Amino acid sequence: MRVLVTGGAGYIGSITTRWLLDAGFTVVVLDSLVRGHREAVDDRARFVEADVSDAPAVRDAADGCDAVLHCAGYIEVAESQADPALYVENNLRRPVAMMDALVEAGVGTIVFSSTAATYGEPESIPIAEDARTNPVNVYGATKLAFERVLDWYGTAHGVRSVRLRYFNVAGAWPDGSLGEAHEPETHIVPRILGSIARGTRTFEVYGNDYPTRDGTCVRDYIHVCDLADAHRRALEHAVSGGTGVFNLGNGQGFTNLEVVRACGEACGEEVDITFGPRRSGDPATLVASATRARDALEWCPAHPGIETIVADAWRWHEAHPSGYHSLAKMVE
């Protein structure tokens, strides 16, 4: 199968690209490198440096592809709250331009990297795919809006789509060669491990007054390699005629304090915890029901434990304390 991966120089996109290549797929990566890293793109993939709104580049990259895996987009909740126009532009307007180019190129199958943030504050736990969608932040709202766009393109142009609603993704390629490197970093696991790798032992947790077992947010964590495997299965499902919305998570939740302690144990370090105010737009608890993915995609996480997820992430951060800039320094 030949697949176009947008955002393939980013964290999830680069690891999924390698996973697909190892599984025998042919992969074309399209990434603007505004927030991605050229060093993260597997040399076996064809690389096109362009934005998803660049119609000629998208048509060229999609030529001969059986499907598109759309991972490009902005992902920071706090940033989306502070600058909603930026998220409407990058998560909605530009991807709509991409859809027009894909239709022109004759590619009618897409797997979309969506998010559990589409649900907002859940009415019950675990969250199933038929739960009410009511995002409490701009990030989730723009992702849900693009899911609606996919519905419209299905009706108008026959585009077949699969939407994958991620819960919290963490971890790294097991040998530490690919991992998470955002600038600035806002996700809790890389924030903790990155600070330890740089010699800092104090970590601030956002909010300790949530209605949870220790007052901090509860999240469902999924290993990035399990996510990559789900992408492979979703692509095969879509190309064979399947559609649908699928949650991707482990079905168990960990509080922020539990995650901080797991990170400290993985590194063999004591972490001094301080508490700051809540972040705007953060629900108290997000835990997935992933039964549909297990049934329809025959997908089951191989790394469900937070200890394994964090240990693999630490392997990456220990070797790359400055992210992909560490590789550049090594070359110099």
Protein backbone atom coordinates (compact mmCIF):
# COMPACT_ATOMS: atom_id res chain seq x y z
CA MET A 1 0.00 0.00 0.00
CA ARG A 2 1.21 3.51 -0.84
CA VAL A 3 0.32 6.11 1.79
CA LEU A 4 0.75 9.87 2.14
CA VAL A 5 1.46 10.89 5.74
CA THR A 6 0.90 14.59 6.44
CA GLY A 7 2.78 15.85 9.47
CA GLY A 8 5.18 12.95 9.07
CA ALA A 9 8.07 14.92 10.57
CA GLY A 10 6.23 15.31 13.86
CA TYR A 11 6.20 13.04 16.90
CA ILE A 12 3.34 10.70 16.01
CA GLY A 13 3.76 11.06 12.26
CA SER A 14 7.45 10.13 12.22
CA ILE A 15 7.04 7.07 14.41
CA THR A 16 4.01 5.91 12.44
CA THR A 17 5.96 6.42 9.20
CA ARG A 18 8.72 4.12 10.42
CA TRP A 19 6.12 1.60 11.63
CA LEU A 20 4.41 1.57 8.22
CA LEU A 21 7.70 1.24 6.36
CA ASP A 22 8.71 -1.69 8.56
CA ALA A 23 5.34 -3.28 7.71
CA GLY A 24 6.06 -3.05 3.98
CA PHE A 25 4.13 0.13 3.10
CA THR A 26 5.46 2.72 0.68
CA VAL A 27 5.29 6.13 2.37
CA VAL A 28 5.38 9.73 1.19
CA VAL A 29 5.78 12.32 3.97
CA LEU A 30 4.48 15.88 3.56
CA ASP A 31 5.46 18.34 6.28
CA SER A 32 6.07 22.09 6.37
CA LEU A 33 8.76 21.65 9.08
CA VAL A 34 7.27 24.63 10.93
CA ARG A 35 6.93 22.36 13.96
CA GLY A 36 8.31 19.10 12.59
CA HIS A 37 11.89 17.84 12.36
CA ARG A 38 13.54 16.73 9.14
CA GLU A 39 15.85 14.49 11.19
CA ALA A 40 12.82 12.48 12.33
CA VAL A 41 11.78 11.43 8.81
CA ASP A 42 12.86 7.92 7.88
CA ASP A 43 15.22 7.92 4.88
CA ARG A 44 13.13 5.21 3.23
CA ALA A 45 10.20 7.62 2.83
CA ARG A 46 9.93 10.21 0.08
CA PHE A 47 9.88 13.63 1.72
CA VAL A 48 7.99 16.68 0.44
CA GLU A 49 8.49 19.93 2.33
CA ALA A 50 5.21 21.78 1.96
CA ASP A 51 2.12 22.95 3.83
CA VAL A 52 -1.10 20.96 3.49
CA SER A 53 -2.71 24.02 1.89
CA ASP A 54 -0.21 23.90 -1.00
CA ALA A 55 -2.48 22.25 -3.56
CA PRO A 56 0.16 21.48 -6.23
CA ALA A 57 2.47 19.92 -3.63
CA VAL A 58 -0.37 17.86 -2.13
CA ARG A 59 -1.47 16.61 -5.56
CA ASP A 60 2.12 15.66 -6.38
CA ALA A 61 2.70 13.91 -3.05
CA ALA A 62 -0.64 12.06 -3.25
CA ASP A 63 -0.08 10.83 -6.80
CA GLY A 64 -0.44 7.06 -6.84
CA CYS A 65 -1.36 6.85 -3.14
CA ASP A 66 -4.06 4.49 -1.91
CA ALA A 67 -4.81 6.55 1.19
CA VAL A 68 -3.80 9.57 3.27
CA LEU A 69 -2.96 9.55 6.96
CA HIS A 70 -3.58 13.13 8.10
CA CYS A 71 -1.46 13.82 11.19
CA ALA A 72 -0.58 17.46 10.45
CA GLY A 73 -2.01 20.09 12.76
CA TYR A 74 -1.49 22.05 15.95
CA ILE A 75 -2.06 20.26 19.25
CA GLU A 76 -1.53 22.54 22.28
CA VAL A 77 -4.63 23.17 24.38
CA ALA A 78 -3.39 26.32 26.13
CA GLU A 79 -2.12 27.82 22.88
CA SER A 80 -5.46 27.14 21.22
CA GLN A 81 -7.25 29.00 24.00
CA ALA A 82 -4.92 31.97 23.71
CA ASP A 83 -4.90 32.11 19.89
CA PRO A 84 -8.04 30.48 18.46
CA ALA A 85 -7.48 31.96 14.99
CA LEU A 86 -4.18 30.08 14.71
CA TYR A 87 -5.98 26.78 15.35
CA VAL A 88 -8.86 27.51 13.01
CA GLU A 89 -6.28 28.27 10.32
CA ASN A 90 -4.03 25.24 10.83
CA ASN A 91 -6.50 22.58 11.95
CA LEU A 92 -9.42 23.54 9.74
CA ARG A 93 -8.96 26.02 6.89
CA ARG A 94 -5.69 24.63 5.53
CA PRO A 95 -6.79 20.98 5.80
CA VAL A 96 -9.98 21.87 3.86
CA ALA A 97 -7.73 23.12 1.05
CA MET A 98 -5.88 19.79 1.31
CA MET A 99 -9.15 17.90 0.89
CA ASP A 100 -9.87 19.71 -2.37
CA ALA A 101 -6.40 18.79 -3.64
CA LEU A 102 -6.87 15.14 -2.64
CA VAL A 103 -10.20 14.97 -4.47
CA GLU A 104 -8.50 16.42 -7.55
CA ALA A 105 -5.73 13.82 -7.21
CA GLY A 106 -8.30 11.02 -7.01
CA VAL A 107 -7.42 9.94 -3.46
CA GLY A 108 -10.68 9.18 -1.69
CA THR A 109 -9.54 7.41 1.49
CA ILE A 110 -8.30 9.24 4.59
CA VAL A 111 -7.45 8.30 8.16
CA PHE A 112 -7.62 11.36 10.41
CA SER A 113 -5.59 11.98 13.56
CA SER A 114 -8.33 13.33 15.84
CA THR A 115 -8.47 13.60 19.64
CA ALA A 116 -10.34 12.74 22.81
CA ALA A 117 -10.61 16.51 23.33
CA THR A 118 -13.65 16.35 21.04
CA TYR A 119 -15.64 14.97 24.01
CA GLY A 120 -14.98 17.77 26.49
CA GLU A 121 -16.11 17.03 30.04
CA PRO A 122 -17.44 13.46 29.79
CA GLU A 123 -20.84 12.49 31.18
CA SER A 124 -19.60 8.98 32.03
CA ILE A 125 -16.32 7.07 32.23
CA PRO A 126 -15.01 5.24 30.24
CA ILE A 127 -15.85 7.33 27.19
CA ALA A 128 -17.37 5.49 24.21
CA GLU A 129 -17.42 6.78 20.65
CA ASP A 130 -21.14 7.52 20.78
CA ALA A 131 -20.70 9.83 23.79
CA ARG A 132 -21.75 13.44 23.38
CA THR A 133 -19.11 15.63 21.75
CA ASN A 134 -18.84 19.01 23.45
CA PRO A 135 -15.24 20.32 23.35
CA VAL A 136 -14.18 22.67 26.14
CA ASN A 137 -11.17 24.04 24.27
CA VAL A 138 -10.47 25.42 20.81
CA TYR A 139 -8.10 22.57 19.94
CA GLY A 140 -10.84 19.95 20.43
CA ALA A 141 -13.39 22.13 18.65
CA THR A 142 -11.23 22.47 15.52
CA LYS A 143 -10.57 18.73 15.42
CA LEU A 144 -14.29 18.00 15.73
CA ALA A 145 -15.04 20.57 13.02
CA PHE A 146 -12.69 18.76 10.64
CA GLU A 147 -14.43 15.48 11.42
CA ARG A 148 -17.61 17.21 10.21
CA VAL A 149 -15.75 18.32 7.08
CA LEU A 150 -14.94 14.69 6.38
CA ASP A 151 -18.66 13.88 6.59
CA TRP A 152 -19.41 16.59 4.04
CA TYR A 153 -16.68 15.41 1.66
CA GLY A 154 -18.04 11.91 2.01
CA THR A 155 -21.45 13.10 0.89
CA ALA A 156 -20.20 15.41 -1.86
CA HIS A 157 -17.24 13.46 -3.22
CA GLY A 158 -17.48 9.92 -1.86
CA VAL A 159 -14.44 10.33 0.39
CA ARG A 160 -14.17 7.42 2.82
CA SER A 161 -12.78 8.31 6.25
CA VAL A 162 -11.69 6.77 9.54
CA ARG A 163 -11.26 9.10 12.53
CA LEU A 164 -8.94 8.08 15.37
CA ARG A 165 -9.61 9.87 18.65
CA TYR A 166 -6.38 9.67 20.62
CA PHE A 167 -6.17 9.85 24.36
CA ASN A 168 -2.79 10.83 25.89
CA VAL A 169 0.07 9.63 23.71
CA ALA A 170 3.51 9.13 25.25
CA GLY A 171 6.59 6.93 24.90
CA ALA A 172 9.15 6.67 22.12
CA TRP A 173 10.65 4.21 19.67
CA PRO A 174 11.99 1.51 22.02
CA ASP A 175 15.67 2.06 21.15
CA GLY A 176 15.34 5.79 21.84
CA SER A 177 16.01 6.87 18.25
CA LEU A 178 12.68 8.67 17.73
CA GLY A 179 10.69 10.55 20.32
CA GLU A 180 8.69 13.58 21.36
CA ALA A 181 10.24 17.02 20.80
CA HIS A 182 7.89 20.00 20.78
CA GLU A 183 9.00 23.61 21.16
CA PRO A 184 7.82 24.63 23.68
CA GLU A 185 6.88 21.33 25.28
CA THR A 186 3.57 21.24 27.16
CA HIS A 187 2.83 17.51 27.52
CA ILE A 188 3.46 16.19 30.99
CA VAL A 189 5.67 13.14 30.33
CA PRO A 190 8.23 14.88 28.09
CA ARG A 191 8.16 17.95 30.33
CA ILE A 192 9.11 15.86 33.35
CA LEU A 193 11.69 13.69 31.61
CA GLY A 194 13.18 16.58 29.66
CA SER A 195 13.67 18.58 32.83
CA ILE A 196 15.35 15.62 34.55
CA ALA A 197 17.61 15.06 31.51
CA ARG A 198 18.66 18.71 31.75
CA GLY A 199 19.37 18.39 35.47
CA THR A 200 16.23 19.99 36.91
CA ARG A 201 14.42 18.06 39.66
CA THR A 202 11.48 20.39 40.34
CA PHE A 203 8.25 20.00 38.39
CA GLU A 204 5.06 22.06 38.40
CA VAL A 205 1.70 20.24 38.10
CA TYR A 206 -1.20 22.29 36.77
CA GLY A 207 -4.01 22.17 39.32
CA ASN A 208 -4.54 20.05 42.43
CA ASP A 209 -8.23 20.78 43.07
CA TYR A 210 -9.89 18.53 40.50
CA PRO A 211 -12.56 16.01 41.67
CA THR A 212 -10.16 13.06 41.36
CA ARG A 213 -8.48 10.68 43.81
CA ASP A 214 -5.54 13.01 44.48
CA GLY A 215 -6.85 16.31 43.09
CA THR A 216 -4.90 16.18 39.82
CA CYS A 217 -6.14 15.41 36.30
CA VAL A 218 -6.66 11.77 35.28
CA ARG A 219 -5.62 10.72 31.79
CA ASP A 220 -5.54 7.51 29.75
CA TYR A 221 -2.04 6.97 28.32
CA ILE A 222 -1.26 5.06 25.13
CA HIS A 223 2.21 4.11 23.90
CA VAL A 224 3.06 5.84 20.63
CA CYS A 225 4.03 2.52 19.03
CA ASP A 226 0.63 1.07 19.91
CA LEU A 227 -0.84 4.16 18.27
CA ALA A 228 1.28 3.56 15.16
CA ASP A 229 0.01 -0.01 14.97
CA ALA A 230 -3.57 1.27 15.21
CA HIS A 231 -2.83 3.62 12.30
CA ARG A 232 -1.66 0.70 10.19
CA ARG A 233 -4.80 -1.26 10.98
CA ALA A 234 -7.02 1.77 10.35
CA LEU A 235 -5.44 2.31 6.93
CA GLU A 236 -6.04 -1.32 5.99
CA HIS A 237 -9.61 -1.05 7.30
CA ALA A 238 -10.27 2.11 5.29
CA VAL A 239 -8.75 0.86 2.05
CA SER A 240 -10.86 -2.29 2.28
CA GLY A 241 -14.01 -0.14 2.52
CA GLY A 242 -14.32 0.50 6.25
CA THR A 243 -15.19 3.80 7.92
CA GLY A 244 -15.91 4.95 11.46
CA VAL A 245 -14.73 6.67 14.62
CA PHE A 246 -12.38 4.82 16.96
CA ASN A 247 -11.07 5.72 20.41
CA LEU A 248 -7.44 4.82 21.03
CA GLY A 249 -6.54 4.38 24.67
CA ASN A 250 -5.77 1.71 27.26
CA GLY A 251 -9.00 2.01 29.24
CA GLN A 252 -7.26 2.94 32.47
CA GLY A 253 -6.39 6.33 33.91
CA PHE A 254 -3.43 7.73 35.81
CA THR A 255 -3.36 10.98 37.75
CA ASN A 256 -0.74 13.60 37.02
CA LEU A 257 0.90 12.86 40.37
CA GLU A 258 1.09 9.15 39.55
CA VAL A 259 2.69 9.97 36.20
CA VAL A 260 5.26 12.26 37.82
CA ARG A 261 6.19 9.54 40.30
CA ALA A 262 6.47 6.93 37.51
CA CYS A 263 8.80 9.26 35.62
CA GLY A 264 10.98 9.73 38.68
CA GLU A 265 11.20 5.97 39.20
CA ALA A 266 12.14 5.40 35.54
CA CYS A 267 14.97 7.90 35.88
CA GLY A 268 16.00 6.87 39.38
CA GLU A 269 15.42 10.43 40.57
CA GLU A 270 13.33 12.13 43.24
CA VAL A 271 11.11 14.82 41.70
CA ASP A 272 10.09 17.83 43.81
CA ILE A 273 6.47 18.62 42.94
CA THR A 274 4.94 22.09 43.07
CA PHE A 275 1.40 23.04 42.10
CA GLY A 276 0.31 25.80 39.78
CA PRO A 277 -3.15 26.92 38.63
CA ARG A 278 -5.31 24.81 36.37
CA ARG A 279 -4.78 25.17 32.63
CA SER A 280 -7.75 26.62 30.79
CA GLY A 281 -9.72 23.95 28.93
CA ASP A 282 -8.45 20.87 30.84
CA PRO A 283 -11.20 18.34 31.72
CA ALA A 284 -10.77 16.52 35.03
CA THR A 285 -10.88 12.93 33.71
CA LEU A 286 -10.48 11.39 30.25
CA VAL A 287 -10.41 7.58 30.02
CA ALA A 288 -11.24 5.64 26.87
CA SER A 289 -13.44 2.76 25.98
CA ALA A 290 -11.49 1.26 23.07
CA THR A 291 -13.76 -1.77 22.57
CA ARG A 292 -14.71 -0.70 19.06
CA ALA A 293 -11.06 -0.57 17.91
CA ARG A 294 -10.39 -3.95 19.48
CA ASP A 295 -13.37 -5.47 17.67
CA ALA A 296 -13.26 -3.79 14.26
CA LEU A 297 -9.50 -3.25 13.87
CA GLU A 298 -8.40 -6.28 15.92
CA TRP A 299 -6.15 -3.86 17.80
CA CYS A 300 -4.91 -4.41 21.32
CA PRO A 301 -2.25 -2.26 23.03
CA ALA A 302 0.97 -4.19 23.53
CA HIS A 303 2.37 -1.68 26.08
CA PRO A 304 -0.47 -0.76 28.44
CA GLY A 305 1.60 -0.07 31.55
CA ILE A 306 2.64 3.48 32.38
CA GLU A 307 6.03 2.10 33.49
CA THR A 308 6.89 0.82 30.00
CA ILE A 309 5.58 3.95 28.31
CA VAL A 310 7.66 6.19 30.55
CA ALA A 311 10.77 3.98 30.37
CA ASP A 312 10.81 4.17 26.56
CA ALA A 313 10.25 7.92 26.68
CA TRP A 314 13.15 8.28 29.13
CA ARG A 315 15.44 6.35 26.77
CA TRP A 316 14.76 9.02 24.13
CA HIS A 317 15.14 12.00 26.47
CA GLU A 318 18.30 10.68 28.12
CA ALA A 319 19.95 10.33 24.70
CA HIS A 320 18.47 13.58 23.31
CA PRO A 321 18.21 16.15 26.12
CA SER A 322 17.79 18.91 23.52
CA GLY A 323 15.46 16.89 21.30
CA TYR A 324 16.45 16.68 17.65
CA HIS A 325 18.83 19.58 18.24
CA SER A 326 20.94 17.01 20.09
CA LEU A 327 21.49 15.20 16.78
CA ALA A 328 22.66 18.40 15.12
CA LYS A 329 25.15 18.99 17.93
CA MET A 330 26.44 15.43 17.56
CA VAL A 331 27.03 16.02 13.83
CA GLU A 332 28.87 19.26 14.56
